[in-house]
Amino acid sequence: MNKKIVVLIVAIIILAILGIIAYMVTSNNNNQELANTNKTRNNVEQNSTNLENAGDENNMNQNAVSNSNEVTNEEPQIEETGRTLVVYFSHTGNTENVAHFIHEAVGGDIIKLEPVNAYIDDYNTLLDVAQEEQRNDARPEIATQIDNIDEYDTIFLGYPNWWGDMPMIIYSFLDEYDLSGKTIAPFCTSGGSGLSGTPRTIQNEEPNATVTEGLAVSGSSSRNSQSTVNNWLSQIGF
């Protein structure tokens, strides 16, 4: 065979082999580019989906916050209790101490009775005035007005013990207000005379009311009487 023909055949074979190799390399590159393109597209789609999900989650969180704010901004529903009234007269502050301990325990409303004509501060003179009022069966005028007394079922009635009796302003209160059908729980402070039968007197003044066992607290210990008050409240059912 002619030497040139052999060389030509070898050259053609080499070119064919190189062509096949080049085709294979080009095909692999195209496949890789296509795979990368698909991967990039999938990543974009995934990111888009994640972004949408994040947006939905953010909206849900905003809605939750909005709903939470709506609940928080609502005015709390306060249960009205005003069926218990602590009403008291106190000149030196001893009975007032006990009254506030009672109110702290039972809730409801609390009212201090004030006379139109204030009592004198000097204690000895005050005793003379109190004794004179008792002798005259006086009814000192009350400056404090209670317009809604009918709303209360239970009245805690407090007073100091003056000359073995209630101050006459308490009689004024019992005369002015009809406490029929209500429960009256009396409490007093004294220098040692205790209740002196005042719950029985209250029952006589308000025959259609129920009067509980009374509480007597020493005036000197009124500031430290909370446990005594709580024990008494438990005994009478509060």
C-alpha atoms as a PDB file:
ATOM      1  CA  MET A   1       0.000   0.000   0.000  1.00  0.00           C
ATOM      2  CA  ASN A   2       1.225   3.465  -0.792  1.00  0.00           C
ATOM      3  CA  LYS A   3       2.855   5.066   2.210  1.00  0.00           C
ATOM      4  CA  LYS A   4       0.939   8.321   1.734  1.00  0.00           C
ATOM      5  CA  ILE A   5      -2.363   6.505   1.766  1.00  0.00           C
ATOM      6  CA  VAL A   6      -1.469   4.837   5.066  1.00  0.00           C
ATOM      7  CA  VAL A   7      -0.522   8.149   6.578  1.00  0.00           C
ATOM      8  CA  LEU A   8      -3.802   9.675   5.371  1.00  0.00           C
ATOM      9  CA  ILE A   9      -5.855   6.819   6.812  1.00  0.00           C
ATOM     10  CA  VAL A  10      -4.069   7.175  10.202  1.00  0.00           C
ATOM     11  CA  ALA A  11      -4.642  10.924  10.136  1.00  0.00           C
ATOM     12  CA  ILE A  12      -8.352  10.408   9.400  1.00  0.00           C
ATOM     13  CA  ILE A  13      -8.622   7.907  12.253  1.00  0.00           C
ATOM     14  CA  ILE A  14      -6.870  10.324  14.634  1.00  0.00           C
ATOM     15  CA  LEU A  15      -9.150  13.163  13.542  1.00  0.00           C
ATOM     16  CA  ALA A  16     -12.186  10.916  14.045  1.00  0.00           C
ATOM     17  CA  ILE A  17     -10.991   9.988  17.512  1.00  0.00           C
ATOM     18  CA  LEU A  18     -10.340  13.650  18.366  1.00  0.00           C
ATOM     19  CA  GLY A  19     -13.789  14.557  17.023  1.00  0.00           C
ATOM     20  CA  ILE A  20     -15.430  11.906  19.173  1.00  0.00           C
ATOM     21  CA  ILE A  21     -13.504  13.108  22.242  1.00  0.00           C
ATOM     22  CA  ALA A  22     -14.431  16.723  21.517  1.00  0.00           C
ATOM     23  CA  TYR A  23     -18.100  15.756  21.130  1.00  0.00           C
ATOM     24  CA  MET A  24     -18.075  13.885  24.389  1.00  0.00           C
ATOM     25  CA  VAL A  25     -16.407  16.788  26.234  1.00  0.00           C
ATOM     26  CA  THR A  26     -18.874  19.284  24.726  1.00  0.00           C
ATOM     27  CA  SER A  27     -21.828  17.043  25.596  1.00  0.00           C
ATOM     28  CA  ASN A  28     -20.641  16.698  29.199  1.00  0.00           C
ATOM     29  CA  ASN A  29     -20.212  20.472  29.503  1.00  0.00           C
ATOM     30  CA  ASN A  30     -23.701  21.052  28.135  1.00  0.00           C
ATOM     31  CA  ASN A  31     -25.157  18.522  30.537  1.00  0.00           C
ATOM     32  CA  GLN A  32     -23.276  20.146  33.428  1.00  0.00           C
ATOM     33  CA  GLU A  33     -24.506  23.604  32.411  1.00  0.00           C
ATOM     34  CA  LEU A  34     -28.039  22.266  32.134  1.00  0.00           C
ATOM     35  CA  ALA A  35     -27.743  20.663  35.549  1.00  0.00           C
ATOM     36  CA  ASN A  36     -26.378  23.894  37.002  1.00  0.00           C
ATOM     37  CA  THR A  37     -29.158  25.846  35.347  1.00  0.00           C
ATOM     38  CA  ASN A  38     -31.784  23.501  36.768  1.00  0.00           C
ATOM     39  CA  LYS A  39     -30.136  23.634  40.168  1.00  0.00           C
ATOM     40  CA  THR A  40     -30.067  27.424  40.059  1.00  0.00           C
ATOM     41  CA  ARG A  41     -33.709  27.480  38.986  1.00  0.00           C
ATOM     42  CA  ASN A  42     -34.628  25.097  41.801  1.00  0.00           C
ATOM     43  CA  ASN A  43     -32.732  27.242  44.279  1.00  0.00           C
ATOM     44  CA  VAL A  44     -34.511  30.356  43.050  1.00  0.00           C
ATOM     45  CA  GLU A  45     -37.869  28.612  43.269  1.00  0.00           C
ATOM     46  CA  GLN A  46     -37.012  27.257  46.729  1.00  0.00           C
ATOM     47  CA  ASN A  47     -35.920  30.705  47.902  1.00  0.00           C
ATOM     48  CA  SER A  48     -39.088  32.169  46.487  1.00  0.00           C
ATOM     49  CA  THR A  49     -41.148  29.546  48.295  1.00  0.00           C
ATOM     50  CA  ASN A  50     -39.239  30.129  51.518  1.00  0.00           C
ATOM     51  CA  LEU A  51     -39.754  33.856  51.139  1.00  0.00           C
ATOM     52  CA  GLU A  52     -43.475  33.351  50.605  1.00  0.00           C
ATOM     53  CA  ASN A  53     -43.643  31.036  53.611  1.00  0.00           C
ATOM     54  CA  ALA A  54     -41.688  33.537  55.658  1.00  0.00           C
ATOM     55  CA  GLY A  55     -44.097  36.227  54.521  1.00  0.00           C
ATOM     56  CA  ASP A  56     -47.060  34.055  55.502  1.00  0.00           C
ATOM     57  CA  GLU A  57     -45.459  33.314  58.871  1.00  0.00           C
ATOM     58  CA  ASN A  58     -44.735  37.002  59.383  1.00  0.00           C
ATOM     59  CA  ASN A  59     -48.359  37.802  58.561  1.00  0.00           C
ATOM     60  CA  MET A  60     -49.491  35.152  61.018  1.00  0.00           C
ATOM     61  CA  ASN A  61     -47.221  36.619  63.668  1.00  0.00           C
ATOM     62  CA  GLN A  62     -48.499  40.106  62.930  1.00  0.00           C
ATOM     63  CA  ASN A  63     -52.063  38.849  63.144  1.00  0.00           C
ATOM     64  CA  ALA A  64     -51.257  37.131  66.424  1.00  0.00           C
ATOM     65  CA  VAL A  65     -49.706  40.330  67.766  1.00  0.00           C
ATOM     66  CA  SER A  66     -52.686  42.290  66.504  1.00  0.00           C
ATOM     67  CA  ASN A  67     -55.085  39.878  68.176  1.00  0.00           C
ATOM     68  CA  SER A  68     -53.004  40.004  71.337  1.00  0.00           C
ATOM     69  CA  ASN A  69     -53.132  43.790  71.295  1.00  0.00           C
ATOM     70  CA  GLU A  70     -56.871  43.686  70.768  1.00  0.00           C
ATOM     71  CA  VAL A  71     -57.255  41.502  73.870  1.00  0.00           C
ATOM     72  CA  THR A  72     -54.841  43.635  75.876  1.00  0.00           C
ATOM     73  CA  ASN A  73     -56.573  46.860  74.903  1.00  0.00           C
ATOM     74  CA  GLU A  74     -59.955  45.612  76.080  1.00  0.00           C
ATOM     75  CA  GLU A  75     -61.066  47.094  79.373  1.00  0.00           C
ATOM     76  CA  PRO A  76     -60.957  44.474  82.130  1.00  0.00           C
ATOM     77  CA  GLN A  77     -64.333  43.298  83.310  1.00  0.00           C
ATOM     78  CA  ILE A  78     -64.543  44.337  86.931  1.00  0.00           C
ATOM     79  CA  GLU A  79     -67.005  42.426  89.021  1.00  0.00           C
ATOM     80  CA  GLU A  80     -69.049  44.799  91.117  1.00  0.00           C
ATOM     81  CA  THR A  81     -69.210  43.607  94.674  1.00  0.00           C
ATOM     82  CA  GLY A  82     -70.791  46.594  96.572  1.00  0.00           C
ATOM     83  CA  ARG A  83     -73.019  44.414  98.772  1.00  0.00           C
ATOM     84  CA  THR A  84     -70.939  44.888 101.896  1.00  0.00           C
ATOM     85  CA  LEU A  85     -70.493  48.222 103.650  1.00  0.00           C
ATOM     86  CA  VAL A  86     -68.112  49.086 106.469  1.00  0.00           C
ATOM     87  CA  VAL A  87     -69.485  52.226 108.121  1.00  0.00           C
ATOM     88  CA  TYR A  88     -67.907  53.647 111.243  1.00  0.00           C
ATOM     89  CA  PHE A  89     -67.440  56.647 113.480  1.00  0.00           C
ATOM     90  CA  SER A  90     -63.950  57.283 114.858  1.00  0.00           C
ATOM     91  CA  HIS A  91     -62.658  60.286 116.743  1.00  0.00           C
ATOM     92  CA  THR A  92     -59.149  59.281 117.829  1.00  0.00           C
ATOM     93  CA  GLY A  93     -58.426  56.863 114.958  1.00  0.00           C
ATOM     94  CA  ASN A  94     -58.627  53.612 116.937  1.00  0.00           C
ATOM     95  CA  THR A  95     -61.945  52.488 115.474  1.00  0.00           C
ATOM     96  CA  GLU A  96     -60.757  53.613 112.057  1.00  0.00           C
ATOM     97  CA  ASN A  97     -57.790  51.217 112.285  1.00  0.00           C
ATOM     98  CA  VAL A  98     -60.111  48.284 112.933  1.00  0.00           C
ATOM     99  CA  ALA A  99     -62.520  49.416 110.207  1.00  0.00           C
ATOM    100  CA  HIS A 100     -59.762  49.359 107.604  1.00  0.00           C
ATOM    101  CA  PHE A 101     -58.641  45.874 108.655  1.00  0.00           C
ATOM    102  CA  ILE A 102     -62.224  44.670 108.174  1.00  0.00           C
ATOM    103  CA  HIS A 103     -62.540  46.379 104.807  1.00  0.00           C
ATOM    104  CA  GLU A 104     -59.221  44.906 103.721  1.00  0.00           C
ATOM    105  CA  ALA A 105     -60.551  41.429 104.487  1.00  0.00           C
ATOM    106  CA  VAL A 106     -64.138  41.593 103.188  1.00  0.00           C
ATOM    107  CA  GLY A 107     -63.960  44.221 100.445  1.00  0.00           C
ATOM    108  CA  GLY A 108     -67.058  46.174  99.497  1.00  0.00           C
ATOM    109  CA  ASP A 109     -67.269  49.852 100.433  1.00  0.00           C
ATOM    110  CA  ILE A 110     -66.147  51.818 103.462  1.00  0.00           C
ATOM    111  CA  ILE A 111     -67.602  55.079 104.783  1.00  0.00           C
ATOM    112  CA  LYS A 112     -66.653  57.199 107.781  1.00  0.00           C
ATOM    113  CA  LEU A 113     -69.491  59.002 109.546  1.00  0.00           C
ATOM    114  CA  GLU A 114     -68.712  62.671 110.107  1.00  0.00           C
ATOM    115  CA  PRO A 115     -70.827  64.918 112.356  1.00  0.00           C
ATOM    116  CA  VAL A 116     -71.963  68.293 111.116  1.00  0.00           C
ATOM    117  CA  ASN A 117     -70.514  69.818 114.287  1.00  0.00           C
ATOM    118  CA  ALA A 118     -67.109  68.280 114.869  1.00  0.00           C
ATOM    119  CA  TYR A 119     -66.296  66.984 118.333  1.00  0.00           C
ATOM    120  CA  ILE A 120     -63.628  68.764 120.353  1.00  0.00           C
ATOM    121  CA  ASP A 121     -60.127  67.269 120.321  1.00  0.00           C
ATOM    122  CA  ASP A 122     -59.444  67.513 124.055  1.00  0.00           C
ATOM    123  CA  TYR A 123     -60.256  64.038 125.366  1.00  0.00           C
ATOM    124  CA  ASN A 124     -61.480  65.029 128.836  1.00  0.00           C
ATOM    125  CA  THR A 125     -63.768  67.686 127.409  1.00  0.00           C
ATOM    126  CA  LEU A 126     -64.950  65.183 124.829  1.00  0.00           C
ATOM    127  CA  LEU A 127     -66.012  62.793 127.596  1.00  0.00           C
ATOM    128  CA  ASP A 128     -68.103  65.545 129.142  1.00  0.00           C
ATOM    129  CA  VAL A 129     -69.731  66.284 125.787  1.00  0.00           C
ATOM    130  CA  ALA A 130     -70.438  62.573 125.191  1.00  0.00           C
ATOM    131  CA  GLN A 131     -71.994  62.198 128.648  1.00  0.00           C
ATOM    132  CA  GLU A 132     -74.147  65.275 128.101  1.00  0.00           C
ATOM    133  CA  GLU A 133     -75.381  63.884 124.766  1.00  0.00           C
ATOM    134  CA  GLN A 134     -76.322  60.612 126.470  1.00  0.00           C
ATOM    135  CA  ARG A 135     -78.263  62.359 129.202  1.00  0.00           C
ATOM    136  CA  ASN A 136     -80.175  64.381 126.614  1.00  0.00           C
ATOM    137  CA  ASP A 137     -80.675  61.381 124.314  1.00  0.00           C
ATOM    138  CA  ALA A 138     -79.239  63.649 121.627  1.00  0.00           C
ATOM    139  CA  ARG A 139     -79.123  62.862 117.915  1.00  0.00           C
ATOM    140  CA  PRO A 140     -76.097  64.705 116.482  1.00  0.00           C
ATOM    141  CA  GLU A 141     -76.618  65.601 112.834  1.00  0.00           C
ATOM    142  CA  ILE A 142     -74.588  63.527 110.372  1.00  0.00           C
ATOM    143  CA  ALA A 143     -72.773  65.298 107.554  1.00  0.00           C
ATOM    144  CA  THR A 144     -72.110  62.036 105.704  1.00  0.00           C
ATOM    145  CA  GLN A 145     -74.910  60.905 103.413  1.00  0.00           C
ATOM    146  CA  ILE A 146     -75.314  57.339 102.114  1.00  0.00           C
ATOM    147  CA  ASP A 147     -77.682  57.423  99.156  1.00  0.00           C
ATOM    148  CA  ASN A 148     -77.416  53.751  98.189  1.00  0.00           C
ATOM    149  CA  ILE A 149     -77.863  52.021 101.555  1.00  0.00           C
ATOM    150  CA  ASP A 150     -80.467  49.693 100.017  1.00  0.00           C
ATOM    151  CA  GLU A 151     -77.774  48.090  97.824  1.00  0.00           C
ATOM    152  CA  TYR A 152     -75.970  46.549 100.805  1.00  0.00           C
ATOM    153  CA  ASP A 153     -76.821  43.228 102.426  1.00  0.00           C
ATOM    154  CA  THR A 154     -74.228  43.384 105.204  1.00  0.00           C
ATOM    155  CA  ILE A 155     -73.315  46.398 107.309  1.00  0.00           C
ATOM    156  CA  PHE A 156     -70.205  46.370 109.494  1.00  0.00           C
ATOM    157  CA  LEU A 157     -70.946  49.079 112.060  1.00  0.00           C
ATOM    158  CA  GLY A 158     -68.022  50.463 114.053  1.00  0.00           C
ATOM    159  CA  TYR A 159     -67.767  52.924 116.946  1.00  0.00           C
ATOM    160  CA  PRO A 160     -65.796  53.714 120.109  1.00  0.00           C
ATOM    161  CA  ASN A 161     -67.272  52.869 123.492  1.00  0.00           C
ATOM    162  CA  TRP A 162     -68.162  56.150 125.212  1.00  0.00           C
ATOM    163  CA  TRP A 163     -69.405  55.855 128.782  1.00  0.00           C
ATOM    164  CA  GLY A 164     -70.473  52.234 128.309  1.00  0.00           C
ATOM    165  CA  ASP A 165     -72.516  52.981 125.186  1.00  0.00           C
ATOM    166  CA  MET A 166     -72.295  53.873 121.520  1.00  0.00           C
ATOM    167  CA  PRO A 167     -71.691  57.521 120.639  1.00  0.00           C
ATOM    168  CA  MET A 168     -75.011  59.207 119.998  1.00  0.00           C
ATOM    169  CA  ILE A 169     -74.099  59.789 116.351  1.00  0.00           C
ATOM    170  CA  ILE A 170     -74.518  56.026 115.890  1.00  0.00           C
ATOM    171  CA  TYR A 171     -78.082  56.359 117.171  1.00  0.00           C
ATOM    172  CA  SER A 172     -78.541  59.115 114.595  1.00  0.00           C
ATOM    173  CA  PHE A 173     -77.365  56.701 111.911  1.00  0.00           C
ATOM    174  CA  LEU A 174     -79.715  53.935 113.062  1.00  0.00           C
ATOM    175  CA  ASP A 175     -82.623  56.383 113.163  1.00  0.00           C
ATOM    176  CA  GLU A 176     -81.882  57.766 109.701  1.00  0.00           C
ATOM    177  CA  TYR A 177     -81.455  54.478 107.834  1.00  0.00           C
ATOM    178  CA  ASP A 178     -83.759  51.473 107.772  1.00  0.00           C
ATOM    179  CA  LEU A 179     -81.573  48.388 107.937  1.00  0.00           C
ATOM    180  CA  SER A 180     -84.415  45.858 107.880  1.00  0.00           C
ATOM    181  CA  GLY A 181     -83.450  42.569 106.254  1.00  0.00           C
ATOM    182  CA  LYS A 182     -79.747  43.316 106.479  1.00  0.00           C
ATOM    183  CA  THR A 183     -77.014  41.701 108.564  1.00  0.00           C
ATOM    184  CA  ILE A 184     -75.309  44.076 110.987  1.00  0.00           C
ATOM    185  CA  ALA A 185     -71.883  43.127 112.367  1.00  0.00           C
ATOM    186  CA  PRO A 186     -70.936  45.525 115.197  1.00  0.00           C
ATOM    187  CA  PHE A 187     -67.376  46.270 116.258  1.00  0.00           C
ATOM    188  CA  CYS A 188     -65.982  48.751 118.753  1.00  0.00           C
ATOM    189  CA  THR A 189     -62.834  49.984 120.452  1.00  0.00           C
ATOM    190  CA  SER A 190     -62.598  50.852 124.115  1.00  0.00           C
ATOM    191  CA  GLY A 191     -60.292  51.378 127.032  1.00  0.00           C
ATOM    192  CA  GLY A 192     -61.463  48.143 128.626  1.00  0.00           C
ATOM    193  CA  SER A 193     -65.268  48.256 128.693  1.00  0.00           C
ATOM    194  CA  GLY A 194     -65.679  46.041 125.635  1.00  0.00           C
ATOM    195  CA  LEU A 195     -68.994  45.995 123.796  1.00  0.00           C
ATOM    196  CA  SER A 196     -71.029  46.839 126.928  1.00  0.00           C
ATOM    197  CA  GLY A 197     -74.156  45.239 125.483  1.00  0.00           C
ATOM    198  CA  THR A 198     -74.220  47.486 122.398  1.00  0.00           C
ATOM    199  CA  PRO A 199     -75.074  44.642 119.945  1.00  0.00           C
ATOM    200  CA  ARG A 200     -78.300  44.111 121.913  1.00  0.00           C
ATOM    201  CA  THR A 201     -78.984  47.839 121.698  1.00  0.00           C
ATOM    202  CA  ILE A 202     -78.476  47.758 117.935  1.00  0.00           C
ATOM    203  CA  GLN A 203     -80.898  44.845 117.684  1.00  0.00           C
ATOM    204  CA  ASN A 204     -83.470  46.877 119.604  1.00  0.00           C
ATOM    205  CA  GLU A 205     -82.968  49.831 117.271  1.00  0.00           C
ATOM    206  CA  GLU A 206     -83.164  47.620 114.153  1.00  0.00           C
ATOM    207  CA  PRO A 207     -85.552  44.782 115.132  1.00  0.00           C
ATOM    208  CA  ASN A 208     -85.900  43.509 111.561  1.00  0.00           C
ATOM    209  CA  ALA A 209     -82.159  43.157 111.004  1.00  0.00           C
ATOM    210  CA  THR A 210     -79.875  40.272 111.961  1.00  0.00           C
ATOM    211  CA  VAL A 211     -77.148  41.330 114.387  1.00  0.00           C
ATOM    212  CA  THR A 212     -74.062  39.123 114.622  1.00  0.00           C
ATOM    213  CA  GLU A 213     -71.715  38.585 117.526  1.00  0.00           C
ATOM    214  CA  GLY A 214     -69.738  41.788 118.044  1.00  0.00           C
ATOM    215  CA  LEU A 215     -66.014  42.475 118.140  1.00  0.00           C
ATOM    216  CA  ALA A 216     -64.351  44.537 120.884  1.00  0.00           C
ATOM    217  CA  VAL A 217     -60.745  45.683 120.454  1.00  0.00           C
ATOM    218  CA  SER A 218     -58.667  47.577 122.970  1.00  0.00           C
ATOM    219  CA  GLY A 219     -57.975  51.051 121.644  1.00  0.00           C
ATOM    220  CA  SER A 220     -54.289  50.754 122.473  1.00  0.00           C
ATOM    221  CA  SER A 221     -53.927  47.588 120.345  1.00  0.00           C
ATOM    222  CA  SER A 222     -56.102  48.660 117.396  1.00  0.00           C
ATOM    223  CA  ARG A 223     -53.106  49.114 115.107  1.00  0.00           C
ATOM    224  CA  ASN A 224     -52.067  45.495 115.681  1.00  0.00           C
ATOM    225  CA  SER A 225     -55.524  43.941 115.603  1.00  0.00           C
ATOM    226  CA  GLN A 226     -55.563  42.423 112.129  1.00  0.00           C
ATOM    227  CA  SER A 227     -55.331  38.811 113.305  1.00  0.00           C
ATOM    228  CA  THR A 228     -58.043  39.452 115.909  1.00  0.00           C
ATOM    229  CA  VAL A 229     -60.245  40.942 113.203  1.00  0.00           C
ATOM    230  CA  ASN A 230     -59.668  37.995 110.873  1.00  0.00           C
ATOM    231  CA  ASN A 231     -60.505  35.490 113.602  1.00  0.00           C
ATOM    232  CA  TRP A 232     -63.741  37.322 114.363  1.00  0.00           C
ATOM    233  CA  LEU A 233     -64.674  37.439 110.677  1.00  0.00           C
ATOM    234  CA  SER A 234     -64.180  33.685 110.447  1.00  0.00           C
ATOM    235  CA  GLN A 235     -66.347  33.109 113.510  1.00  0.00           C
ATOM    236  CA  ILE A 236     -69.261  35.067 112.053  1.00  0.00           C
ATOM    237  CA  GLY A 237     -68.959  33.480 108.634  1.00  0.00           C
ATOM    238  CA  PHE A 238     -66.856  35.849 106.557  1.00  0.00           C
END
